[in-house]
Amino acid sequence: TGYTVHRGLLASMHRPVLGSVAGVVAGARLVVVLED
C-alpha cells in the first residue's frame, strides 16, 4: 500500500450502481448538495 496499515485490514469493494436523483430524494425533508 505504501503506508502503514494501522487499522488492520483493507477491503476491495464492488462499487454499487448509483440511484436516480428522484429516487434518492423521494420523501427527503433535508438534503445536502455538495458542489465541486
Full PDB file with SEQRES, HELIX, SHEET, SSBOND, CRYST1, ORIGX, SCALE, CONECT and MASTER records, all heavy atoms in Angstrom:
SEQRES   1 A   36  THR GLY TYR THR VAL HIS ARG GLY LEU LEU ALA SER MET          
SEQRES   2 A   36  HIS ARG PRO VAL LEU GLY SER VAL ALA GLY VAL VAL ALA          
SEQRES   3 A   36  GLY ALA ARG LEU VAL VAL VAL LEU GLU ASP                      
HELIX    1 AA1 VAL A   21  VAL A   25  1                                   5    
CRYST1    1.000    1.000    1.000  90.00  90.00  90.00 P 1           1          
ORIGX1      1.000000  0.000000  0.000000        0.00000                         
ORIGX2      0.000000  1.000000  0.000000        0.00000                         
ORIGX3      0.000000  0.000000  1.000000        0.00000                         
SCALE1      1.000000  0.000000  0.000000        0.00000                         
SCALE2      0.000000  1.000000  0.000000        0.00000                         
SCALE3      0.000000  0.000000  1.000000        0.00000                         
ATOM      1  N   THR A   1       0.797  -1.225   0.000  1.00  0.00           N  
ATOM      2  CA  THR A   1       0.000   0.000   0.000  1.00  0.00           C  
ATOM      3  C   THR A   1       0.827   1.271   0.000  1.00  0.00           C  
ATOM      4  O   THR A   1       0.334   2.329  -0.382  1.00  0.00           O  
ATOM      5  CB  THR A   1      -0.918   0.028   1.233  1.00  0.00           C  
ATOM      6  OG1 THR A   1      -0.105   0.048   2.420  1.00  0.00           O  
ATOM      7  CG2 THR A   1      -1.826  -1.192   1.262  1.00  0.00           C  
ATOM      8  N   GLY A   2       2.079   1.177   0.455  1.00  0.00           N  
ATOM      9  CA  GLY A   2       2.912   2.372   0.543  1.00  0.00           C  
ATOM     10  C   GLY A   2       2.773   3.109   1.850  1.00  0.00           C  
ATOM     11  O   GLY A   2       3.362   4.177   2.030  1.00  0.00           O  
ATOM     12  N   TYR A   3       1.993   2.578   2.774  1.00  0.00           N  
ATOM     13  CA  TYR A   3       1.856   3.222   4.080  1.00  0.00           C  
ATOM     14  C   TYR A   3       1.546   2.145   5.121  1.00  0.00           C  
ATOM     15  O   TYR A   3       1.165   1.021   4.789  1.00  0.00           O  
ATOM     16  CB  TYR A   3       0.750   4.289   4.075  1.00  0.00           C  
ATOM     17  CG  TYR A   3      -0.623   3.762   3.715  1.00  0.00           C  
ATOM     18  CD1 TYR A   3      -1.504   3.315   4.698  1.00  0.00           C  
ATOM     19  CD2 TYR A   3      -1.049   3.721   2.386  1.00  0.00           C  
ATOM     20  CE1 TYR A   3      -2.764   2.840   4.374  1.00  0.00           C  
ATOM     21  CE2 TYR A   3      -2.300   3.251   2.051  1.00  0.00           C  
ATOM     22  CZ  TYR A   3      -3.154   2.811   3.054  1.00  0.00           C  
ATOM     23  OH  TYR A   3      -4.402   2.341   2.716  1.00  0.00           O  
ATOM     24  N   THR A   4       1.712   2.497   6.395  1.00  0.00           N  
ATOM     25  CA  THR A   4       1.438   1.559   7.476  1.00  0.00           C  
ATOM     26  C   THR A   4      -0.068   1.389   7.632  1.00  0.00           C  
ATOM     27  O   THR A   4      -0.798   2.373   7.800  1.00  0.00           O  
ATOM     28  CB  THR A   4       2.038   2.061   8.799  1.00  0.00           C  
ATOM     29  OG1 THR A   4       3.454   2.242   8.627  1.00  0.00           O  
ATOM     30  CG2 THR A   4       1.796   1.066   9.919  1.00  0.00           C  
ATOM     31  N   VAL A   5      -0.532   0.155   7.570  1.00  0.00           N  
ATOM     32  CA  VAL A   5      -1.961  -0.121   7.678  1.00  0.00           C  
ATOM     33  C   VAL A   5      -2.301  -0.253   9.168  1.00  0.00           C  
ATOM     34  O   VAL A   5      -2.305  -1.339   9.739  1.00  0.00           O  
ATOM     35  CB  VAL A   5      -2.344  -1.401   6.901  1.00  0.00           C  
ATOM     36  CG1 VAL A   5      -3.853  -1.633   6.958  1.00  0.00           C  
ATOM     37  CG2 VAL A   5      -1.885  -1.298   5.457  1.00  0.00           C  
ATOM     38  N   HIS A   6      -2.584   0.892   9.808  1.00  0.00           N  
ATOM     39  CA  HIS A   6      -2.797   0.906  11.252  1.00  0.00           C  
ATOM     40  C   HIS A   6      -4.087   0.198  11.655  1.00  0.00           C  
ATOM     41  O   HIS A   6      -4.200  -0.328  12.762  1.00  0.00           O  
ATOM     42  CB  HIS A   6      -2.855   2.351  11.759  1.00  0.00           C  
ATOM     43  CG  HIS A   6      -1.546   3.073  11.646  1.00  0.00           C  
ATOM     44  ND1 HIS A   6      -0.436   2.715  12.374  1.00  0.00           N  
ATOM     45  CD2 HIS A   6      -1.177   4.131  10.884  1.00  0.00           C  
ATOM     46  CE1 HIS A   6       0.570   3.532  12.078  1.00  0.00           C  
ATOM     47  NE2 HIS A   6       0.147   4.391  11.180  1.00  0.00           N  
ATOM     48  N   ARG A   7      -5.085   0.219  10.772  1.00  0.00           N  
ATOM     49  CA  ARG A   7      -6.414  -0.250  11.155  1.00  0.00           C  
ATOM     50  C   ARG A   7      -6.640  -1.725  10.865  1.00  0.00           C  
ATOM     51  O   ARG A   7      -7.749  -2.209  10.919  1.00  0.00           O  
ATOM     52  CB  ARG A   7      -7.473   0.610  10.470  1.00  0.00           C  
ATOM     53  CG  ARG A   7      -7.441   2.052  10.970  1.00  0.00           C  
ATOM     54  CD  ARG A   7      -8.267   2.967  10.093  1.00  0.00           C  
ATOM     55  NE  ARG A   7      -8.242   4.323  10.602  1.00  0.00           N  
ATOM     56  CZ  ARG A   7      -7.284   5.198  10.371  1.00  0.00           C  
ATOM     57  NH1 ARG A   7      -6.245   4.834   9.639  1.00  0.00           N  
ATOM     58  NH2 ARG A   7      -7.331   6.406  10.860  1.00  0.00           N  
ATOM     59  N   GLY A   8      -5.586  -2.444  10.499  1.00  0.00           N  
ATOM     60  CA  GLY A   8      -5.663  -3.890  10.467  1.00  0.00           C  
ATOM     61  C   GLY A   8      -6.093  -4.531   9.181  1.00  0.00           C  
ATOM     62  O   GLY A   8      -5.630  -5.615   8.849  1.00  0.00           O  
ATOM     63  N   LEU A   9      -7.006  -3.885   8.443  1.00  0.00           N  
ATOM     64  CA  LEU A   9      -7.457  -4.527   7.217  1.00  0.00           C  
ATOM     65  C   LEU A   9      -7.859  -3.500   6.176  1.00  0.00           C  
ATOM     66  O   LEU A   9      -8.190  -2.369   6.479  1.00  0.00           O  
ATOM     67  CB  LEU A   9      -8.621  -5.491   7.492  1.00  0.00           C  
ATOM     68  CG  LEU A   9      -9.978  -4.945   7.949  1.00  0.00           C  
ATOM     69  CD1 LEU A   9     -10.811  -4.410   6.787  1.00  0.00           C  
ATOM     70  CD2 LEU A   9     -10.762  -6.052   8.647  1.00  0.00           C  
ATOM     71  N   LEU A  10      -7.788  -3.953   4.936  1.00  0.00           N  
ATOM     72  CA  LEU A  10      -8.319  -3.220   3.795  1.00  0.00           C  
ATOM     73  C   LEU A  10      -9.215  -4.181   3.036  1.00  0.00           C  
ATOM     74  O   LEU A  10      -8.963  -5.379   2.996  1.00  0.00           O  
ATOM     75  CB  LEU A  10      -7.202  -2.728   2.867  1.00  0.00           C  
ATOM     76  CG  LEU A  10      -6.155  -1.784   3.431  1.00  0.00           C  
ATOM     77  CD1 LEU A  10      -5.026  -1.587   2.415  1.00  0.00           C  
ATOM     78  CD2 LEU A  10      -6.784  -0.445   3.775  1.00  0.00           C  
ATOM     79  N   ALA A  11     -10.260  -3.665   2.430  1.00  0.00           N  
ATOM     80  CA  ALA A  11     -11.147  -4.496   1.624  1.00  0.00           C  
ATOM     81  C   ALA A  11     -11.345  -3.850   0.266  1.00  0.00           C  
ATOM     82  O   ALA A  11     -11.581  -2.645   0.170  1.00  0.00           O  
ATOM     83  CB  ALA A  11     -12.491  -4.698   2.314  1.00  0.00           C  
ATOM     84  N   SER A  12     -11.204  -4.646  -0.781  1.00  0.00           N  
ATOM     85  CA  SER A  12     -11.506  -4.202  -2.134  1.00  0.00           C  
ATOM     86  C   SER A  12     -12.984  -4.470  -2.379  1.00  0.00           C  
ATOM     87  O   SER A  12     -13.422  -5.620  -2.386  1.00  0.00           O  
ATOM     88  CB  SER A  12     -10.645  -4.971  -3.140  1.00  0.00           C  
ATOM     89  OG  SER A  12     -11.000  -4.631  -4.460  1.00  0.00           O  
ATOM     90  N   MET A  13     -13.754  -3.403  -2.543  1.00  0.00           N  
ATOM     91  CA  MET A  13     -15.211  -3.497  -2.566  1.00  0.00           C  
ATOM     92  C   MET A  13     -15.766  -3.216  -3.961  1.00  0.00           C  
ATOM     93  O   MET A  13     -15.276  -2.336  -4.674  1.00  0.00           O  
ATOM     94  CB  MET A  13     -15.816  -2.467  -1.597  1.00  0.00           C  
ATOM     95  CG  MET A  13     -15.278  -2.541  -0.181  1.00  0.00           C  
ATOM     96  SD  MET A  13     -15.773  -4.042   0.700  1.00  0.00           S  
ATOM     97  CE  MET A  13     -17.545  -3.784   0.828  1.00  0.00           C  
ATOM     98  N   HIS A  14     -16.792  -3.951  -4.336  1.00  0.00           N  
ATOM     99  CA  HIS A  14     -17.512  -3.665  -5.565  1.00  0.00           C  
ATOM    100  C   HIS A  14     -18.281  -2.351  -5.401  1.00  0.00           C  
ATOM    101  O   HIS A  14     -19.029  -2.181  -4.436  1.00  0.00           O  
ATOM    102  CB  HIS A  14     -18.490  -4.786  -5.890  1.00  0.00           C  
ATOM    103  CG  HIS A  14     -17.827  -6.086  -6.210  1.00  0.00           C  
ATOM    104  ND1 HIS A  14     -17.332  -6.378  -7.453  1.00  0.00           N  
ATOM    105  CD2 HIS A  14     -17.556  -7.172  -5.433  1.00  0.00           C  
ATOM    106  CE1 HIS A  14     -16.801  -7.592  -7.448  1.00  0.00           C  
ATOM    107  NE2 HIS A  14     -16.917  -8.088  -6.236  1.00  0.00           N  
ATOM    108  N   ARG A  15     -18.090  -1.456  -6.346  1.00  0.00           N  
ATOM    109  CA  ARG A  15     -18.762  -0.154  -6.290  1.00  0.00           C  
ATOM    110  C   ARG A  15     -20.224  -0.323  -6.716  1.00  0.00           C  
ATOM    111  O   ARG A  15     -20.506  -0.827  -7.798  1.00  0.00           O  
ATOM    112  CB  ARG A  15     -18.050   0.837  -7.219  1.00  0.00           C  
ATOM    113  CG  ARG A  15     -18.611   2.239  -7.208  1.00  0.00           C  
ATOM    114  CD  ARG A  15     -17.772   3.132  -8.102  1.00  0.00           C  
ATOM    115  NE  ARG A  15     -16.503   3.443  -7.453  1.00  0.00           N  
ATOM    116  CZ  ARG A  15     -16.312   4.529  -6.707  1.00  0.00           C  
ATOM    117  NH1 ARG A  15     -17.284   5.394  -6.532  1.00  0.00           N  
ATOM    118  NH2 ARG A  15     -15.149   4.742  -6.136  1.00  0.00           N  
ATOM    119  N   PRO A  16     -21.173   0.103  -5.865  1.00  0.00           N  
ATOM    120  CA  PRO A  16     -22.583  -0.073  -6.216  1.00  0.00           C  
ATOM    121  C   PRO A  16     -23.021   0.912  -7.306  1.00  0.00           C  
ATOM    122  O   PRO A  16     -22.413   1.969  -7.498  1.00  0.00           O  
ATOM    123  CB  PRO A  16     -23.312   0.223  -4.901  1.00  0.00           C  
ATOM    124  CG  PRO A  16     -22.390   1.155  -4.186  1.00  0.00           C  
ATOM    125  CD  PRO A  16     -20.989   0.734  -4.549  1.00  0.00           C  
ATOM    126  N   VAL A  17     -24.077   0.556  -8.006  1.00  0.00           N  
ATOM    127  CA  VAL A  17     -24.661   1.450  -9.006  1.00  0.00           C  
ATOM    128  C   VAL A  17     -25.408   2.564  -8.281  1.00  0.00           C  
ATOM    129  O   VAL A  17     -26.195   2.306  -7.363  1.00  0.00           O  
ATOM    130  CB  VAL A  17     -25.622   0.681  -9.929  1.00  0.00           C  
ATOM    131  CG1 VAL A  17     -26.298   1.619 -10.914  1.00  0.00           C  
ATOM    132  CG2 VAL A  17     -24.872  -0.429 -10.666  1.00  0.00           C  
ATOM    133  N   LEU A  18     -25.160   3.817  -8.686  1.00  0.00           N  
ATOM    134  CA  LEU A  18     -25.827   4.945  -8.043  1.00  0.00           C  
ATOM    135  C   LEU A  18     -27.282   5.020  -8.481  1.00  0.00           C  
ATOM    136  O   LEU A  18     -27.624   4.758  -9.633  1.00  0.00           O  
ATOM    137  CB  LEU A  18     -25.111   6.250  -8.397  1.00  0.00           C  
ATOM    138  CG  LEU A  18     -23.703   6.423  -7.826  1.00  0.00           C  
ATOM    139  CD1 LEU A  18     -23.105   7.745  -8.301  1.00  0.00           C  
ATOM    140  CD2 LEU A  18     -23.723   6.370  -6.303  1.00  0.00           C  
ATOM    141  N   GLY A  19     -28.146   5.420  -7.543  1.00  0.00           N  
ATOM    142  CA  GLY A  19     -29.553   5.574  -7.836  1.00  0.00           C  
ATOM    143  C   GLY A  19     -29.848   6.889  -8.540  1.00  0.00           C  
ATOM    144  O   GLY A  19     -28.978   7.761  -8.682  1.00  0.00           O  
ATOM    145  N   SER A  20     -31.070   7.044  -8.973  1.00  0.00           N  
ATOM    146  CA  SER A  20     -31.506   8.292  -9.603  1.00  0.00           C  
ATOM    147  C   SER A  20     -31.656   9.380  -8.549  1.00  0.00           C  
ATOM    148  O   SER A  20     -31.859   9.099  -7.356  1.00  0.00           O  
ATOM    149  CB  SER A  20     -32.836   8.085 -10.320  1.00  0.00           C  
ATOM    150  OG  SER A  20     -33.871   7.843  -9.377  1.00  0.00           O  
ATOM    151  N   VAL A  21     -31.568  10.629  -8.984  1.00  0.00           N  
ATOM    152  CA  VAL A  21     -31.771  11.746  -8.063  1.00  0.00           C  
ATOM    153  C   VAL A  21     -33.173  11.680  -7.473  1.00  0.00           C  
ATOM    154  O   VAL A  21     -33.366  11.826  -6.258  1.00  0.00           O  
ATOM    155  CB  VAL A  21     -31.540  13.087  -8.783  1.00  0.00           C  
ATOM    156  CG1 VAL A  21     -31.911  14.257  -7.871  1.00  0.00           C  
ATOM    157  CG2 VAL A  21     -30.088  13.205  -9.225  1.00  0.00           C  
ATOM    158  N   ALA A  22     -34.161  11.453  -8.322  1.00  0.00           N  
ATOM    159  CA  ALA A  22     -35.545  11.402  -7.849  1.00  0.00           C  
ATOM    160  C   ALA A  22     -35.734  10.317  -6.800  1.00  0.00           C  
ATOM    161  O   ALA A  22     -36.416  10.518  -5.785  1.00  0.00           O  
ATOM    162  CB  ALA A  22     -36.487  11.179  -9.027  1.00  0.00           C  
ATOM    163  N   GLY A  23     -35.124   9.167  -7.025  1.00  0.00           N  
ATOM    164  CA  GLY A  23     -35.255   8.077  -6.066  1.00  0.00           C  
ATOM    165  C   GLY A  23     -34.573   8.367  -4.744  1.00  0.00           C  
ATOM    166  O   GLY A  23     -35.096   8.032  -3.677  1.00  0.00           O  
ATOM    167  N   VAL A  24     -33.410   9.006  -4.795  1.00  0.00           N  
ATOM    168  CA  VAL A  24     -32.647   9.279  -3.576  1.00  0.00           C  
ATOM    169  C   VAL A  24     -33.331  10.328  -2.709  1.00  0.00           C  
ATOM    170  O   VAL A  24     -33.311  10.241  -1.475  1.00  0.00           O  
ATOM    171  CB  VAL A  24     -31.202   9.702  -3.931  1.00  0.00           C  
ATOM    172  CG1 VAL A  24     -30.477  10.261  -2.716  1.00  0.00           C  
ATOM    173  CG2 VAL A  24     -30.432   8.515  -4.491  1.00  0.00           C  
ATOM    174  N   VAL A  25     -33.943  11.333  -3.326  1.00  0.00           N  
ATOM    175  CA  VAL A  25     -34.541  12.424  -2.536  1.00  0.00           C  
ATOM    176  C   VAL A  25     -36.031  12.226  -2.275  1.00  0.00           C  
ATOM    177  O   VAL A  25     -36.649  13.048  -1.603  1.00  0.00           O  
ATOM    178  CB  VAL A  25     -34.310  13.797  -3.208  1.00  0.00           C  
ATOM    179  CG1 VAL A  25     -32.826  14.050  -3.416  1.00  0.00           C  
ATOM    180  CG2 VAL A  25     -35.076  13.909  -4.519  1.00  0.00           C  
ATOM    181  N   ALA A  26     -36.608  11.153  -2.784  1.00  0.00           N  
ATOM    182  CA  ALA A  26     -38.038  10.923  -2.569  1.00  0.00           C  
ATOM    183  C   ALA A  26     -38.348  10.874  -1.069  1.00  0.00           C  
ATOM    184  O   ALA A  26     -37.772  10.071  -0.338  1.00  0.00           O  
ATOM    185  CB  ALA A  26     -38.464   9.624  -3.241  1.00  0.00           C  
ATOM    186  N   GLY A  27     -39.217  11.745  -0.623  1.00  0.00           N  
ATOM    187  CA  GLY A  27     -39.596  11.790   0.777  1.00  0.00           C  
ATOM    188  C   GLY A  27     -38.621  12.500   1.685  1.00  0.00           C  
ATOM    189  O   GLY A  27     -38.880  12.651   2.887  1.00  0.00           O  
ATOM    190  N   ALA A  28     -37.491  12.950   1.167  1.00  0.00           N  
ATOM    191  CA  ALA A  28     -36.478  13.606   1.997  1.00  0.00           C  
ATOM    192  C   ALA A  28     -36.931  15.002   2.395  1.00  0.00           C  
ATOM    193  O   ALA A  28     -37.468  15.755   1.572  1.00  0.00           O  
ATOM    194  CB  ALA A  28     -35.155  13.686   1.253  1.00  0.00           C  
ATOM    195  N   ARG A  29     -36.701  15.366   3.628  1.00  0.00           N  
ATOM    196  CA  ARG A  29     -37.024  16.715   4.102  1.00  0.00           C  
ATOM    197  C   ARG A  29     -35.791  17.611   4.140  1.00  0.00           C  
ATOM    198  O   ARG A  29     -35.904  18.832   4.022  1.00  0.00           O  
ATOM    199  CB  ARG A  29     -37.652  16.653   5.491  1.00  0.00           C  
ATOM    200  CG  ARG A  29     -38.965  15.872   5.532  1.00  0.00           C  
ATOM    201  CD  ARG A  29     -39.622  15.996   6.890  1.00  0.00           C  
ATOM    202  NE  ARG A  29     -40.052  17.381   7.129  1.00  0.00           N  
ATOM    203  CZ  ARG A  29     -40.339  17.859   8.342  1.00  0.00           C  
ATOM    204  NH1 ARG A  29     -40.197  17.089   9.412  1.00  0.00           N  
ATOM    205  NH2 ARG A  29     -40.737  19.104   8.492  1.00  0.00           N  
ATOM    206  N   LEU A  30     -34.621  17.020   4.324  1.00  0.00           N  
ATOM    207  CA  LEU A  30     -33.385  17.795   4.402  1.00  0.00           C  
ATOM    208  C   LEU A  30     -32.316  17.094   3.566  1.00  0.00           C  
ATOM    209  O   LEU A  30     -31.930  15.960   3.859  1.00  0.00           O  
ATOM    210  CB  LEU A  30     -32.928  17.929   5.865  1.00  0.00           C  
ATOM    211  CG  LEU A  30     -31.668  18.752   6.127  1.00  0.00           C  
ATOM    212  CD1 LEU A  30     -31.793  20.163   5.547  1.00  0.00           C  
ATOM    213  CD2 LEU A  30     -31.395  18.833   7.628  1.00  0.00           C  
ATOM    214  N   VAL A  31     -31.865  17.778   2.519  1.00  0.00           N  
ATOM    215  CA  VAL A  31     -30.905  17.225   1.567  1.00  0.00           C  
ATOM    216  C   VAL A  31     -29.682  18.138   1.525  1.00  0.00           C  
ATOM    217  O   VAL A  31     -29.813  19.364   1.541  1.00  0.00           O  
ATOM    218  CB  VAL A  31     -31.528  17.111   0.163  1.00  0.00           C  
ATOM    219  CG1 VAL A  31     -30.496  16.644  -0.863  1.00  0.00           C  
ATOM    220  CG2 VAL A  31     -32.727  16.172   0.183  1.00  0.00           C  
ATOM    221  N   VAL A  32     -28.504  17.555   1.470  1.00  0.00           N  
ATOM    222  CA  VAL A  32     -27.255  18.310   1.332  1.00  0.00           C  
ATOM    223  C   VAL A  32     -26.768  18.178  -0.103  1.00  0.00           C  
ATOM    224  O   VAL A  32     -26.708  17.067  -0.644  1.00  0.00           O  
ATOM    225  CB  VAL A  32     -26.177  17.784   2.300  1.00  0.00           C  
ATOM    226  CG1 VAL A  32     -24.847  18.512   2.079  1.00  0.00           C  
ATOM    227  CG2 VAL A  32     -26.631  17.938   3.742  1.00  0.00           C  
ATOM    228  N   VAL A  33     -26.410  19.307  -0.714  1.00  0.00           N  
ATOM    229  CA  VAL A  33     -25.843  19.315  -2.060  1.00  0.00           C  
ATOM    230  C   VAL A  33     -24.410  19.822  -1.959  1.00  0.00           C  
ATOM    231  O   VAL A  33     -24.175  20.958  -1.525  1.00  0.00           O  
ATOM    232  CB  VAL A  33     -26.652  20.204  -3.019  1.00  0.00           C  
ATOM    233  CG1 VAL A  33     -26.006  20.215  -4.405  1.00  0.00           C  
ATOM    234  CG2 VAL A  33     -28.097  19.722  -3.109  1.00  0.00           C  
ATOM    235  N   LEU A  34     -23.451  18.998  -2.329  1.00  0.00           N  
ATOM    236  CA  LEU A  34     -22.032  19.376  -2.305  1.00  0.00           C  
ATOM    237  C   LEU A  34     -21.609  19.716  -3.726  1.00  0.00           C  
ATOM    238  O   LEU A  34     -21.556  18.840  -4.595  1.00  0.00           O  
ATOM    239  CB  LEU A  34     -21.185  18.222  -1.755  1.00  0.00           C  
ATOM    240  CG  LEU A  34     -21.568  17.701  -0.364  1.00  0.00           C  
ATOM    241  CD1 LEU A  34     -20.639  16.561   0.043  1.00  0.00           C  
ATOM    242  CD2 LEU A  34     -21.536  18.819   0.676  1.00  0.00           C  
ATOM    243  N   GLU A  35     -21.315  21.000  -3.955  1.00  0.00           N  
ATOM    244  CA  GLU A  35     -20.962  21.431  -5.300  1.00  0.00           C  
ATOM    245  C   GLU A  35     -19.452  21.597  -5.454  1.00  0.00           C  
ATOM    246  O   GLU A  35     -18.835  22.467  -4.812  1.00  0.00           O  
ATOM    247  CB  GLU A  35     -21.639  22.762  -5.654  1.00  0.00           C  
ATOM    248  CG  GLU A  35     -21.431  23.108  -7.128  1.00  0.00           C  
ATOM    249  CD  GLU A  35     -21.574  24.580  -7.457  1.00  0.00           C  
ATOM    250  OE1 GLU A  35     -21.208  25.431  -6.620  1.00  0.00           O  
ATOM    251  OE2 GLU A  35     -22.024  24.879  -8.577  1.00  0.00           O  
ATOM    252  N   ASP A  36     -18.857  20.766  -6.290  1.00  0.00           N  
ATOM    253  CA  ASP A  36     -17.461  20.905  -6.715  1.00  0.00           C  
ATOM    254  C   ASP A  36     -16.484  20.981  -5.552  1.00  0.00           C  
ATOM    255  O   ASP A  36     -15.454  21.662  -5.635  1.00  0.00           O  
ATOM    256  CB  ASP A  36     -17.301  22.140  -7.603  1.00  0.00           C  
ATOM    257  CG  ASP A  36     -18.116  22.056  -8.880  1.00  0.00           C  
ATOM    258  OD1 ASP A  36     -18.738  21.004  -9.117  1.00  0.00           O  
ATOM    259  OD2 ASP A  36     -18.150  23.043  -9.628  1.00  0.00           O  
TER     260      ASP A  36                                                      
MASTER        0    0    0    1    0    0    0    6  259    1    0    3          
END                                                                             
